[in-house]
């Protein structure tokens, strides 16, 4: 297996890898994950607003408990 292929595979234990990136600080790891989630939600909101209505008529991106693009 070449090095490029090895780099593309996610670590076996992603939770342990995330904790390792934050030197074992679980609260910082959670804060980072929440910030990344918020950034992705914002991108989905923008995409939902910018998306045309013809091709995906009626489709709306959903997140648990709410539609993206709604408050």
C-alpha atoms as a PDB file:
ATOM      1  CA  UNK A   1       0.000   0.000   0.000  1.00  0.00           C
ATOM      2  CA  UNK A   2       1.412   3.397  -0.936  1.00  0.00           C
ATOM      3  CA  UNK A   3       1.647   6.373   1.430  1.00  0.00           C
ATOM      4  CA  UNK A   4      -1.092   8.392  -0.334  1.00  0.00           C
ATOM      5  CA  UNK A   5      -3.616   5.588   0.085  1.00  0.00           C
ATOM      6  CA  UNK A   6      -2.693   5.154   3.755  1.00  0.00           C
ATOM      7  CA  UNK A   7      -3.275   8.869   4.390  1.00  0.00           C
ATOM      8  CA  UNK A   8      -6.789   8.760   2.898  1.00  0.00           C
ATOM      9  CA  UNK A   9      -8.057   6.093   5.308  1.00  0.00           C
ATOM     10  CA  UNK A  10      -9.539   7.451   8.542  1.00  0.00           C
ATOM     11  CA  UNK A  11      -7.943   6.359  11.806  1.00  0.00           C
ATOM     12  CA  UNK A  12      -9.394   3.235  13.386  1.00  0.00           C
ATOM     13  CA  UNK A  13     -10.548   5.150  16.452  1.00  0.00           C
ATOM     14  CA  UNK A  14     -11.468   8.673  15.373  1.00  0.00           C
ATOM     15  CA  UNK A  15     -12.510   9.680  18.895  1.00  0.00           C
ATOM     16  CA  UNK A  16      -9.062   8.795  20.237  1.00  0.00           C
ATOM     17  CA  UNK A  17      -7.431  10.679  17.362  1.00  0.00           C
ATOM     18  CA  UNK A  18      -9.498  13.798  18.094  1.00  0.00           C
ATOM     19  CA  UNK A  19      -8.593  13.622  21.777  1.00  0.00           C
ATOM     20  CA  UNK A  20      -4.930  13.195  20.853  1.00  0.00           C
ATOM     21  CA  UNK A  21      -5.105  16.344  18.698  1.00  0.00           C
ATOM     22  CA  UNK A  22      -6.301  18.216  21.780  1.00  0.00           C
ATOM     23  CA  UNK A  23      -3.729  16.652  24.140  1.00  0.00           C
ATOM     24  CA  UNK A  24      -6.431  14.660  25.936  1.00  0.00           C
ATOM     25  CA  UNK A  25      -8.555  17.720  26.760  1.00  0.00           C
ATOM     26  CA  UNK A  26     -12.078  16.398  26.184  1.00  0.00           C
ATOM     27  CA  UNK A  27     -13.768  19.785  26.635  1.00  0.00           C
ATOM     28  CA  UNK A  28     -11.582  21.393  23.974  1.00  0.00           C
ATOM     29  CA  UNK A  29     -12.240  18.479  21.638  1.00  0.00           C
ATOM     30  CA  UNK A  30     -15.997  18.881  22.129  1.00  0.00           C
ATOM     31  CA  UNK A  31     -15.768  22.636  21.607  1.00  0.00           C
ATOM     32  CA  UNK A  32     -13.893  22.082  18.343  1.00  0.00           C
ATOM     33  CA  UNK A  33     -16.441  19.530  17.122  1.00  0.00           C
ATOM     34  CA  UNK A  34     -19.321  21.865  17.995  1.00  0.00           C
ATOM     35  CA  UNK A  35     -17.640  24.751  16.169  1.00  0.00           C
ATOM     36  CA  UNK A  36     -17.142  22.552  13.105  1.00  0.00           C
ATOM     37  CA  UNK A  37     -20.785  21.452  13.270  1.00  0.00           C
ATOM     38  CA  UNK A  38     -21.918  25.079  13.425  1.00  0.00           C
ATOM     39  CA  UNK A  39     -19.752  25.953  10.410  1.00  0.00           C
ATOM     40  CA  UNK A  40     -21.228  23.069   8.410  1.00  0.00           C
ATOM     41  CA  UNK A  41     -24.781  24.086   9.408  1.00  0.00           C
ATOM     42  CA  UNK A  42     -24.068  27.617   8.177  1.00  0.00           C
ATOM     43  CA  UNK A  43     -22.778  26.304   4.838  1.00  0.00           C
ATOM     44  CA  UNK A  44     -25.891  24.142   4.485  1.00  0.00           C
ATOM     45  CA  UNK A  45     -28.111  27.148   5.198  1.00  0.00           C
ATOM     46  CA  UNK A  46     -26.382  29.123   2.450  1.00  0.00           C
ATOM     47  CA  UNK A  47     -26.613  26.188   0.047  1.00  0.00           C
ATOM     48  CA  UNK A  48     -30.328  25.741   0.796  1.00  0.00           C
ATOM     49  CA  UNK A  49     -30.976  29.427   0.073  1.00  0.00           C
ATOM     50  CA  UNK A  50     -28.856  29.476  -3.097  1.00  0.00           C
ATOM     51  CA  UNK A  51     -30.126  26.188  -4.511  1.00  0.00           C
ATOM     52  CA  UNK A  52     -32.421  26.398  -7.489  1.00  0.00           C
ATOM     53  CA  UNK A  53     -36.001  25.189  -7.111  1.00  0.00           C
ATOM     54  CA  UNK A  54     -36.384  23.316 -10.417  1.00  0.00           C
ATOM     55  CA  UNK A  55     -34.074  20.328 -10.145  1.00  0.00           C
ATOM     56  CA  UNK A  56     -34.650  19.515  -6.487  1.00  0.00           C
ATOM     57  CA  UNK A  57     -38.198  20.771  -6.150  1.00  0.00           C
ATOM     58  CA  UNK A  58     -39.495  20.137  -2.665  1.00  0.00           C
ATOM     59  CA  UNK A  59     -36.195  18.863  -1.273  1.00  0.00           C
ATOM     60  CA  UNK A  60     -34.976  20.558   1.879  1.00  0.00           C
ATOM     61  CA  UNK A  61     -31.866  19.767   3.846  1.00  0.00           C
ATOM     62  CA  UNK A  62     -32.760  18.641   7.337  1.00  0.00           C
ATOM     63  CA  UNK A  63     -30.857  18.441  10.560  1.00  0.00           C
ATOM     64  CA  UNK A  64     -32.136  16.662  13.639  1.00  0.00           C
ATOM     65  CA  UNK A  65     -35.169  18.594  14.849  1.00  0.00           C
ATOM     66  CA  UNK A  66     -35.156  21.365  12.246  1.00  0.00           C
ATOM     67  CA  UNK A  67     -34.900  22.332   8.610  1.00  0.00           C
ATOM     68  CA  UNK A  68     -31.753  24.069   7.462  1.00  0.00           C
ATOM     69  CA  UNK A  69     -32.504  27.652   6.564  1.00  0.00           C
ATOM     70  CA  UNK A  70     -35.034  28.079   9.358  1.00  0.00           C
ATOM     71  CA  UNK A  71     -34.220  29.661  12.700  1.00  0.00           C
END
